[in-house]
């Protein structure tokens, strides 16, 4: 894997957010031997990062796309925005009559 691909994957991971598990272990000496005294496992959720998203979007080379590919990308992005908007507003199918 190229260095550039690794960097892009890392930025994408941060842009989308991720979870990680962290393990902390403490050892103590008992009877002349090291023994595990305490073990703590935690899960951390790292939220999506808007700066990383912006960086990814700025690095897209839209000039290399054909008109059809640009139109398909536009439709895909509009659909994603519509889904996010509907999730955020909790819109329903009943209409909004009062």
Protein backbone atom coordinates (compact mmCIF):
# COMPACT_ATOMS: atom_id res chain seq x y z
CA UNK A 1 0.00 0.00 0.00
CA UNK A 2 1.37 3.40 -0.99
CA UNK A 3 2.08 6.05 1.63
CA UNK A 4 -0.53 8.33 0.02
CA UNK A 5 -3.17 5.58 0.28
CA UNK A 6 -2.33 5.03 3.94
CA UNK A 7 -2.71 8.73 4.62
CA UNK A 8 -6.03 8.89 2.78
CA UNK A 9 -7.33 5.88 4.73
CA UNK A 10 -6.26 7.46 8.03
CA UNK A 11 -7.97 10.76 7.20
CA UNK A 12 -11.09 8.90 6.08
CA UNK A 13 -11.17 6.98 9.38
CA UNK A 14 -11.00 10.25 11.33
CA UNK A 15 -13.57 11.91 9.07
CA UNK A 16 -16.10 9.12 9.64
CA UNK A 17 -15.35 8.62 13.33
CA UNK A 18 -14.32 5.37 14.94
CA UNK A 19 -14.26 3.35 18.16
CA UNK A 20 -11.28 1.88 19.90
CA UNK A 21 -10.71 -0.30 22.91
CA UNK A 22 -8.01 0.53 25.40
CA UNK A 23 -6.59 -1.89 27.97
CA UNK A 24 -4.68 -0.69 31.01
CA UNK A 25 -2.94 -3.22 33.22
CA UNK A 26 -1.22 -2.67 36.56
CA UNK A 27 1.22 -5.21 37.93
CA UNK A 28 2.53 -5.65 41.45
CA UNK A 29 5.13 -7.87 43.07
CA UNK A 30 3.73 -10.72 45.16
CA UNK A 31 5.91 -13.51 46.48
CA UNK A 32 8.78 -12.24 44.34
CA UNK A 33 6.80 -12.48 41.10
CA UNK A 34 4.99 -9.94 39.00
CA UNK A 35 1.25 -10.48 39.14
CA UNK A 36 -1.61 -8.67 37.51
CA UNK A 37 -3.23 -6.48 40.14
CA UNK A 38 -5.70 -4.46 38.09
CA UNK A 39 -6.99 -4.63 34.52
CA UNK A 40 -9.21 -1.95 33.04
CA UNK A 41 -10.83 -2.17 29.61
CA UNK A 42 -12.45 0.93 28.16
CA UNK A 43 -14.09 1.68 24.86
CA UNK A 44 -13.65 5.14 23.39
CA UNK A 45 -15.80 6.57 20.64
CA UNK A 46 -14.09 9.23 18.54
CA UNK A 47 -16.71 11.39 16.79
CA UNK A 48 -16.50 12.34 13.11
CA UNK A 49 -14.15 15.23 12.43
CA UNK A 50 -15.41 18.01 10.14
CA UNK A 51 -11.92 19.27 9.30
CA UNK A 52 -10.96 15.80 8.05
CA UNK A 53 -14.16 15.67 5.97
CA UNK A 54 -13.36 19.04 4.45
CA UNK A 55 -9.83 17.92 3.65
CA UNK A 56 -11.13 14.82 1.85
CA UNK A 57 -13.65 16.82 -0.14
CA UNK A 58 -11.05 19.39 -1.17
CA UNK A 59 -8.73 16.64 -2.40
CA UNK A 60 -11.36 15.20 -4.76
CA UNK A 61 -10.40 15.77 -8.39
CA UNK A 62 -13.77 16.55 -9.89
CA UNK A 63 -12.16 18.00 -13.03
CA UNK A 64 -11.23 14.48 -14.14
CA UNK A 65 -14.85 13.28 -14.07
CA UNK A 66 -17.07 13.14 -17.12
CA UNK A 67 -20.38 15.02 -17.21
CA UNK A 68 -22.26 11.79 -16.52
CA UNK A 69 -20.03 10.98 -13.54
CA UNK A 70 -20.47 14.51 -12.17
CA UNK A 71 -24.25 14.23 -12.50
CA UNK A 72 -24.22 10.84 -10.73
CA UNK A 73 -22.06 12.27 -7.92
CA UNK A 74 -24.41 15.24 -7.58
CA UNK A 75 -27.42 12.93 -7.30
CA UNK A 76 -25.65 10.74 -4.76
CA UNK A 77 -24.74 13.72 -2.59
CA UNK A 78 -28.24 15.20 -2.82
CA UNK A 79 -29.72 11.86 -1.76
CA UNK A 80 -27.37 11.68 1.23
CA UNK A 81 -28.31 15.22 2.26
CA UNK A 82 -32.00 14.39 1.94
CA UNK A 83 -31.61 11.28 4.13
CA UNK A 84 -29.64 13.21 6.78
CA UNK A 85 -32.22 16.01 6.77
CA UNK A 86 -35.12 13.57 7.16
CA UNK A 87 -33.34 11.78 10.00
CA UNK A 88 -32.63 15.06 11.75
CA UNK A 89 -36.15 16.50 11.42
CA UNK A 90 -37.94 13.23 12.10
CA UNK A 91 -40.29 13.96 9.22
CA UNK A 92 -43.29 11.72 8.82
CA UNK A 93 -45.50 10.72 5.92
CA UNK A 94 -48.74 12.06 7.45
CA UNK A 95 -48.11 15.60 6.30
CA UNK A 96 -48.13 18.62 8.56
CA UNK A 97 -51.82 19.56 8.81
CA UNK A 98 -52.82 21.35 12.00
